[in-house]
Amino acid sequence: MSFAVCVFCASSEAVGIPDREVARDLGRAIAEEGWELVYGGGNVGLMGEVARAALAGGGRVTGVIPHRLADREIALEHVTELIRTETMRERKHIMDARSDAFVVLPGGIGTLEELVEILTLKQLGFHDRPVVLLDPTGFWAPLREQLHRVVERGLATPQLLEIWADATEVTEVVAALHEAIAHPQPSQHGRDEELEAIQGPTWESPGSASCAAREG
């Protein structure tokens, strides 16, 4: 069974060297494990670092990017598969449907939104796939504190604090994902069916290269 890891992370070029090194280490590790990388399709910031490292290691990389962001985030054209979408919602649907696990690196409000949504869906029982925050520098510490505050105020059950794993090293991420593979949840095997339910048997974004070739 193939295993696909979705990585949410920054597209900003302002990210520092330590974060870039971690992103490269993660990309290399995903490739070494024979896993597929699913990510936001960009060639800048941590997006570019993780994707280029996975490609250099011989890994399969699927990028998903809206047309409107292809120039802003500079779409990485030489990935294994590049899917261009019309909207951000389509982008997230496809990344979700194609992934067996989620790893989150530092990022801006877009990464924060992706993380909170995937945690919300897990809390509500829409999936039971692993979510790992790879955070060697404590970037996400304020969010963890806020989630603890949410539970302390009675706004969520204590189970909220158990639906993700924390990691400070890439080796910890790999170990957590191996544990998920060894003890899979039923929902992890439904991503192909979910993708088909979203867009039909084969996804091709309007304006995609394969779609354009067929129309021509």
C-alpha atoms as a PDB file:
ATOM      1  CA  MET A   1       0.000   0.000   0.000  1.00  0.00           C
ATOM      2  CA  SER A   2       1.328   3.416  -0.919  1.00  0.00           C
ATOM      3  CA  PHE A   3       1.488   5.980   1.854  1.00  0.00           C
ATOM      4  CA  ALA A   4       1.138   9.692   1.174  1.00  0.00           C
ATOM      5  CA  VAL A   5       2.218  12.409   3.585  1.00  0.00           C
ATOM      6  CA  CYS A   6       0.666  15.855   3.284  1.00  0.00           C
ATOM      7  CA  VAL A   7       2.923  18.679   4.480  1.00  0.00           C
ATOM      8  CA  PHE A   8       1.475  22.071   5.404  1.00  0.00           C
ATOM      9  CA  CYS A   9       4.100  24.809   5.619  1.00  0.00           C
ATOM     10  CA  ALA A  10       5.127  28.375   4.796  1.00  0.00           C
ATOM     11  CA  SER A  11       5.425  29.721   1.279  1.00  0.00           C
ATOM     12  CA  SER A  12       7.197  32.857   2.504  1.00  0.00           C
ATOM     13  CA  GLU A  13      10.832  33.428   1.557  1.00  0.00           C
ATOM     14  CA  ALA A  14      11.326  35.124   4.944  1.00  0.00           C
ATOM     15  CA  VAL A  15      11.700  31.780   6.734  1.00  0.00           C
ATOM     16  CA  GLY A  16      15.054  31.264   8.413  1.00  0.00           C
ATOM     17  CA  ILE A  17      17.811  28.742   7.815  1.00  0.00           C
ATOM     18  CA  PRO A  18      16.901  26.407  10.730  1.00  0.00           C
ATOM     19  CA  ASP A  19      13.344  25.991   9.451  1.00  0.00           C
ATOM     20  CA  ARG A  20      14.626  25.428   5.921  1.00  0.00           C
ATOM     21  CA  GLU A  21      16.994  22.713   7.124  1.00  0.00           C
ATOM     22  CA  VAL A  22      14.174  20.907   8.923  1.00  0.00           C
ATOM     23  CA  ALA A  23      11.980  21.112   5.813  1.00  0.00           C
ATOM     24  CA  ARG A  24      14.773  19.627   3.690  1.00  0.00           C
ATOM     25  CA  ASP A  25      15.349  16.852   6.233  1.00  0.00           C
ATOM     26  CA  LEU A  26      11.637  16.062   6.188  1.00  0.00           C
ATOM     27  CA  GLY A  27      11.531  15.913   2.390  1.00  0.00           C
ATOM     28  CA  ARG A  28      14.538  13.607   2.281  1.00  0.00           C
ATOM     29  CA  ALA A  29      13.040  11.349   4.956  1.00  0.00           C
ATOM     30  CA  ILE A  30       9.732  11.052   3.112  1.00  0.00           C
ATOM     31  CA  ALA A  31      11.590   9.998  -0.038  1.00  0.00           C
ATOM     32  CA  GLU A  32      13.845   7.562   1.824  1.00  0.00           C
ATOM     33  CA  GLU A  33      10.817   5.858   3.336  1.00  0.00           C
ATOM     34  CA  GLY A  34       9.302   5.389  -0.113  1.00  0.00           C
ATOM     35  CA  TRP A  35       6.359   7.624   0.775  1.00  0.00           C
ATOM     36  CA  GLU A  36       4.693  10.188  -1.449  1.00  0.00           C
ATOM     37  CA  LEU A  37       4.772  13.896  -0.615  1.00  0.00           C
ATOM     38  CA  VAL A  38       1.575  15.878  -1.108  1.00  0.00           C
ATOM     39  CA  TYR A  39       1.976  19.617  -0.655  1.00  0.00           C
ATOM     40  CA  GLY A  40       0.800  23.033  -1.827  1.00  0.00           C
ATOM     41  CA  GLY A  41       2.691  23.038  -5.118  1.00  0.00           C
ATOM     42  CA  GLY A  42       4.934  26.066  -4.541  1.00  0.00           C
ATOM     43  CA  ASN A  43       8.654  26.499  -5.184  1.00  0.00           C
ATOM     44  CA  VAL A  44       9.299  29.122  -2.488  1.00  0.00           C
ATOM     45  CA  GLY A  45       9.710  29.112   1.267  1.00  0.00           C
ATOM     46  CA  LEU A  46       9.433  25.832   3.129  1.00  0.00           C
ATOM     47  CA  MET A  47       7.174  24.497   0.394  1.00  0.00           C
ATOM     48  CA  GLY A  48      10.017  24.612  -2.075  1.00  0.00           C
ATOM     49  CA  GLU A  49      12.531  23.186   0.379  1.00  0.00           C
ATOM     50  CA  VAL A  50      10.510  20.095   1.297  1.00  0.00           C
ATOM     51  CA  ALA A  51       9.480  19.386  -2.304  1.00  0.00           C
ATOM     52  CA  ARG A  52      12.923  19.789  -3.861  1.00  0.00           C
ATOM     53  CA  ALA A  53      14.491  17.610  -1.172  1.00  0.00           C
ATOM     54  CA  ALA A  54      11.922  14.856  -1.731  1.00  0.00           C
ATOM     55  CA  LEU A  55      12.439  15.007  -5.494  1.00  0.00           C
ATOM     56  CA  ALA A  56      16.226  14.917  -5.093  1.00  0.00           C
ATOM     57  CA  GLY A  57      15.795  11.779  -2.997  1.00  0.00           C
ATOM     58  CA  GLY A  58      13.820  10.079  -5.737  1.00  0.00           C
ATOM     59  CA  GLY A  59      10.446  10.499  -4.072  1.00  0.00           C
ATOM     60  CA  ARG A  60       7.079  10.999  -5.708  1.00  0.00           C
ATOM     61  CA  VAL A  61       5.789  14.544  -5.195  1.00  0.00           C
ATOM     62  CA  THR A  62       2.290  15.806  -5.891  1.00  0.00           C
ATOM     63  CA  GLY A  63       1.753  19.557  -5.811  1.00  0.00           C
ATOM     64  CA  VAL A  64      -1.700  21.141  -5.646  1.00  0.00           C
ATOM     65  CA  ILE A  65      -1.952  24.861  -6.353  1.00  0.00           C
ATOM     66  CA  PRO A  66      -4.681  27.299  -7.421  1.00  0.00           C
ATOM     67  CA  HIS A  67      -4.155  29.123 -10.703  1.00  0.00           C
ATOM     68  CA  ARG A  68      -4.205  32.459  -8.857  1.00  0.00           C
ATOM     69  CA  LEU A  69      -1.276  31.426  -6.671  1.00  0.00           C
ATOM     70  CA  ALA A  70       0.829  29.734  -9.345  1.00  0.00           C
ATOM     71  CA  ASP A  71       2.786  32.945  -9.928  1.00  0.00           C
ATOM     72  CA  ARG A  72       2.766  34.202  -6.339  1.00  0.00           C
ATOM     73  CA  GLU A  73       4.012  30.920  -4.895  1.00  0.00           C
ATOM     74  CA  ILE A  74       5.901  30.098  -8.111  1.00  0.00           C
ATOM     75  CA  ALA A  75       4.530  26.663  -8.929  1.00  0.00           C
ATOM     76  CA  LEU A  76       7.177  23.946  -8.977  1.00  0.00           C
ATOM     77  CA  GLU A  77       6.554  22.612 -12.466  1.00  0.00           C
ATOM     78  CA  HIS A  78       8.838  19.568 -12.396  1.00  0.00           C
ATOM     79  CA  VAL A  79       7.090  17.700  -9.588  1.00  0.00           C
ATOM     80  CA  THR A  80       5.777  14.222 -10.362  1.00  0.00           C
ATOM     81  CA  GLU A  81       2.249  15.575 -10.646  1.00  0.00           C
ATOM     82  CA  LEU A  82       1.103  19.185 -10.534  1.00  0.00           C
ATOM     83  CA  ILE A  83      -2.610  19.787 -10.098  1.00  0.00           C
ATOM     84  CA  ARG A  84      -3.886  23.303 -10.725  1.00  0.00           C
ATOM     85  CA  THR A  85      -7.214  24.212  -9.171  1.00  0.00           C
ATOM     86  CA  GLU A  86      -9.637  27.100  -9.443  1.00  0.00           C
ATOM     87  CA  THR A  87     -10.097  27.662  -5.699  1.00  0.00           C
ATOM     88  CA  MET A  88      -8.416  27.159  -2.350  1.00  0.00           C
ATOM     89  CA  ARG A  89     -11.254  24.872  -1.319  1.00  0.00           C
ATOM     90  CA  GLU A  90     -10.525  22.554  -4.240  1.00  0.00           C
ATOM     91  CA  ARG A  91      -6.859  22.622  -3.309  1.00  0.00           C
ATOM     92  CA  LYS A  92      -7.540  21.549   0.273  1.00  0.00           C
ATOM     93  CA  HIS A  93     -10.066  18.905  -0.773  1.00  0.00           C
ATOM     94  CA  ILE A  94      -7.549  17.242  -3.082  1.00  0.00           C
ATOM     95  CA  MET A  95      -4.663  17.444  -0.618  1.00  0.00           C
ATOM     96  CA  ASP A  96      -6.902  15.921   2.045  1.00  0.00           C
ATOM     97  CA  ALA A  97      -8.250  13.177  -0.194  1.00  0.00           C
ATOM     98  CA  ARG A  98      -4.806  12.157  -1.434  1.00  0.00           C
ATOM     99  CA  SER A  99      -3.148  11.969   1.982  1.00  0.00           C
ATOM    100  CA  ASP A 100      -2.769   9.322   4.675  1.00  0.00           C
ATOM    101  CA  ALA A 101      -1.091  11.604   7.221  1.00  0.00           C
ATOM    102  CA  PHE A 102      -0.429  15.284   7.868  1.00  0.00           C
ATOM    103  CA  VAL A 103       2.793  16.941   9.007  1.00  0.00           C
ATOM    104  CA  VAL A 104       2.789  20.633   9.869  1.00  0.00           C
ATOM    105  CA  LEU A 105       5.831  22.903   9.781  1.00  0.00           C
ATOM    106  CA  PRO A 106       5.914  26.627  10.649  1.00  0.00           C
ATOM    107  CA  GLY A 107       3.777  28.791   8.410  1.00  0.00           C
ATOM    108  CA  GLY A 108       1.550  31.804   8.130  1.00  0.00           C
ATOM    109  CA  ILE A 109      -2.186  32.213   8.408  1.00  0.00           C
ATOM    110  CA  GLY A 110      -2.793  29.772   5.538  1.00  0.00           C
ATOM    111  CA  THR A 111      -0.850  27.027   7.303  1.00  0.00           C
ATOM    112  CA  LEU A 112      -2.626  27.858  10.560  1.00  0.00           C
ATOM    113  CA  GLU A 113      -5.994  27.579   8.836  1.00  0.00           C
ATOM    114  CA  GLU A 114      -5.060  24.214   7.295  1.00  0.00           C
ATOM    115  CA  LEU A 115      -3.876  22.882  10.649  1.00  0.00           C
ATOM    116  CA  VAL A 116      -6.967  24.012  12.547  1.00  0.00           C
ATOM    117  CA  GLU A 117      -9.285  22.592   9.891  1.00  0.00           C
ATOM    118  CA  ILE A 118      -7.633  19.181   9.841  1.00  0.00           C
ATOM    119  CA  LEU A 119      -7.706  19.060  13.663  1.00  0.00           C
ATOM    120  CA  THR A 120     -11.369  20.108  13.685  1.00  0.00           C
ATOM    121  CA  LEU A 121     -12.276  17.372  11.221  1.00  0.00           C
ATOM    122  CA  LYS A 122     -10.389  14.822  13.304  1.00  0.00           C
ATOM    123  CA  GLN A 123     -12.039  15.972  16.526  1.00  0.00           C
ATOM    124  CA  LEU A 124     -15.467  15.626  14.894  1.00  0.00           C
ATOM    125  CA  GLY A 125     -14.666  12.122  13.641  1.00  0.00           C
ATOM    126  CA  PHE A 126     -14.468  12.837   9.919  1.00  0.00           C
ATOM    127  CA  HIS A 127     -11.032  11.203   9.794  1.00  0.00           C
ATOM    128  CA  ASP A 128      -8.593   9.465  12.093  1.00  0.00           C
ATOM    129  CA  ARG A 129      -5.335  10.008  10.256  1.00  0.00           C
ATOM    130  CA  PRO A 130      -2.201  11.081  12.144  1.00  0.00           C
ATOM    131  CA  VAL A 131      -1.414  14.787  12.497  1.00  0.00           C
ATOM    132  CA  VAL A 132       2.129  15.677  13.563  1.00  0.00           C
ATOM    133  CA  LEU A 133       3.459  19.131  14.414  1.00  0.00           C
ATOM    134  CA  LEU A 134       7.163  19.170  13.545  1.00  0.00           C
ATOM    135  CA  ASP A 135       8.292  22.070  15.680  1.00  0.00           C
ATOM    136  CA  PRO A 136      11.922  22.055  16.869  1.00  0.00           C
ATOM    137  CA  THR A 137      11.914  25.783  17.689  1.00  0.00           C
ATOM    138  CA  GLY A 138       8.612  26.079  19.575  1.00  0.00           C
ATOM    139  CA  PHE A 139       6.886  28.035  16.816  1.00  0.00           C
ATOM    140  CA  TRP A 140       3.510  26.448  17.590  1.00  0.00           C
ATOM    141  CA  ALA A 141       3.807  26.768  21.390  1.00  0.00           C
ATOM    142  CA  PRO A 142       1.292  29.668  21.608  1.00  0.00           C
ATOM    143  CA  LEU A 143      -1.271  27.605  19.695  1.00  0.00           C
ATOM    144  CA  ARG A 144      -0.779  24.671  22.046  1.00  0.00           C
ATOM    145  CA  GLU A 145      -1.301  27.007  24.989  1.00  0.00           C
ATOM    146  CA  GLN A 146      -4.497  28.325  23.445  1.00  0.00           C
ATOM    147  CA  LEU A 147      -5.851  24.831  22.852  1.00  0.00           C
ATOM    148  CA  HIS A 148      -5.123  23.953  26.478  1.00  0.00           C
ATOM    149  CA  ARG A 149      -6.988  27.118  27.474  1.00  0.00           C
ATOM    150  CA  VAL A 150      -9.940  26.050  25.344  1.00  0.00           C
ATOM    151  CA  VAL A 151     -10.104  22.768  27.249  1.00  0.00           C
ATOM    152  CA  GLU A 152      -9.613  24.446  30.643  1.00  0.00           C
ATOM    153  CA  ARG A 153     -12.575  26.749  29.913  1.00  0.00           C
ATOM    154  CA  GLY A 154     -14.736  23.767  29.070  1.00  0.00           C
ATOM    155  CA  LEU A 155     -15.085  24.765  25.429  1.00  0.00           C
ATOM    156  CA  ALA A 156     -13.750  21.416  24.246  1.00  0.00           C
ATOM    157  CA  THR A 157     -13.235  18.006  25.793  1.00  0.00           C
ATOM    158  CA  PRO A 158      -9.760  16.899  26.946  1.00  0.00           C
ATOM    159  CA  GLN A 159      -9.647  14.572  23.929  1.00  0.00           C
ATOM    160  CA  LEU A 160      -8.849  17.627  21.832  1.00  0.00           C
ATOM    161  CA  LEU A 161      -5.337  17.567  23.246  1.00  0.00           C
ATOM    162  CA  GLU A 162      -4.811  13.966  22.141  1.00  0.00           C
ATOM    163  CA  ILE A 163      -5.536  14.237  18.421  1.00  0.00           C
ATOM    164  CA  TRP A 164      -2.115  15.379  17.302  1.00  0.00           C
ATOM    165  CA  ALA A 165       1.482  14.409  18.043  1.00  0.00           C
ATOM    166  CA  ASP A 166       4.370  16.763  18.734  1.00  0.00           C
ATOM    167  CA  ALA A 167       7.817  16.209  17.258  1.00  0.00           C
ATOM    168  CA  THR A 168      11.041  18.159  17.511  1.00  0.00           C
ATOM    169  CA  GLU A 169      13.003  15.952  15.113  1.00  0.00           C
ATOM    170  CA  VAL A 170      12.244  14.354  11.770  1.00  0.00           C
ATOM    171  CA  THR A 171      13.035  10.918  13.200  1.00  0.00           C
ATOM    172  CA  GLU A 172      10.121  11.354  15.602  1.00  0.00           C
ATOM    173  CA  VAL A 173       7.823  12.136  12.689  1.00  0.00           C
ATOM    174  CA  VAL A 174       8.935   9.003  10.855  1.00  0.00           C
ATOM    175  CA  ALA A 175       8.394   6.900  13.985  1.00  0.00           C
ATOM    176  CA  ALA A 176       4.889   8.317  14.482  1.00  0.00           C
ATOM    177  CA  LEU A 177       3.936   7.595  10.884  1.00  0.00           C
ATOM    178  CA  HIS A 178       5.331   4.068  11.033  1.00  0.00           C
ATOM    179  CA  GLU A 179       3.130   3.521  14.070  1.00  0.00           C
ATOM    180  CA  ALA A 180       0.135   4.709  12.057  1.00  0.00           C
ATOM    181  CA  ILE A 181       1.005   2.352   9.206  1.00  0.00           C
ATOM    182  CA  ALA A 182       1.404  -0.564  11.598  1.00  0.00           C
ATOM    183  CA  HIS A 183      -1.961   0.156  13.229  1.00  0.00           C
ATOM    184  CA  PRO A 184      -4.085   1.744  10.500  1.00  0.00           C
ATOM    185  CA  GLN A 185      -7.527   3.145  11.164  1.00  0.00           C
ATOM    186  CA  PRO A 186     -10.309   2.180   8.708  1.00  0.00           C
ATOM    187  CA  SER A 187     -10.691   5.773   7.506  1.00  0.00           C
ATOM    188  CA  GLN A 188      -7.095   5.834   6.279  1.00  0.00           C
ATOM    189  CA  HIS A 189      -7.973   3.456   3.461  1.00  0.00           C
ATOM    190  CA  GLY A 190     -10.801   5.583   2.120  1.00  0.00           C
ATOM    191  CA  ARG A 191      -8.896   8.470   0.556  1.00  0.00           C
ATOM    192  CA  ASP A 192      -9.340   7.244  -3.044  1.00  0.00           C
ATOM    193  CA  GLU A 193     -13.069   6.880  -2.514  1.00  0.00           C
ATOM    194  CA  GLU A 194     -13.169  10.350  -0.947  1.00  0.00           C
ATOM    195  CA  LEU A 195     -11.354  11.838  -3.914  1.00  0.00           C
ATOM    196  CA  GLU A 196     -13.779  10.167  -6.313  1.00  0.00           C
ATOM    197  CA  ALA A 197     -16.716  11.526  -4.335  1.00  0.00           C
ATOM    198  CA  ILE A 198     -15.308  15.056  -4.593  1.00  0.00           C
ATOM    199  CA  GLN A 199     -14.538  15.245  -8.296  1.00  0.00           C
ATOM    200  CA  GLY A 200     -15.434  11.977  -9.989  1.00  0.00           C
ATOM    201  CA  PRO A 201     -13.210   8.979 -10.873  1.00  0.00           C
ATOM    202  CA  THR A 202     -10.315  11.078 -12.221  1.00  0.00           C
ATOM    203  CA  TRP A 203      -9.451  14.577 -11.012  1.00  0.00           C
ATOM    204  CA  GLU A 204      -8.373  17.072 -13.633  1.00  0.00           C
ATOM    205  CA  SER A 205      -8.608  20.712 -12.753  1.00  0.00           C
ATOM    206  CA  PRO A 206     -10.039  23.011 -15.429  1.00  0.00           C
ATOM    207  CA  GLY A 207      -7.053  24.422 -17.257  1.00  0.00           C
ATOM    208  CA  SER A 208      -4.718  21.590 -16.274  1.00  0.00           C
ATOM    209  CA  ALA A 209      -2.078  20.548 -18.775  1.00  0.00           C
ATOM    210  CA  SER A 210      -3.713  17.186 -19.473  1.00  0.00           C
ATOM    211  CA  CYS A 211      -7.149  18.771 -19.774  1.00  0.00           C
ATOM    212  CA  ALA A 212      -5.831  21.460 -22.120  1.00  0.00           C
ATOM    213  CA  ALA A 213      -4.066  18.889 -24.291  1.00  0.00           C
ATOM    214  CA  ARG A 214      -7.248  16.904 -24.665  1.00  0.00           C
ATOM    215  CA  GLU A 215      -9.274  20.003 -25.554  1.00  0.00           C
ATOM    216  CA  GLY A 216      -6.665  21.015 -28.125  1.00  0.00           C
END
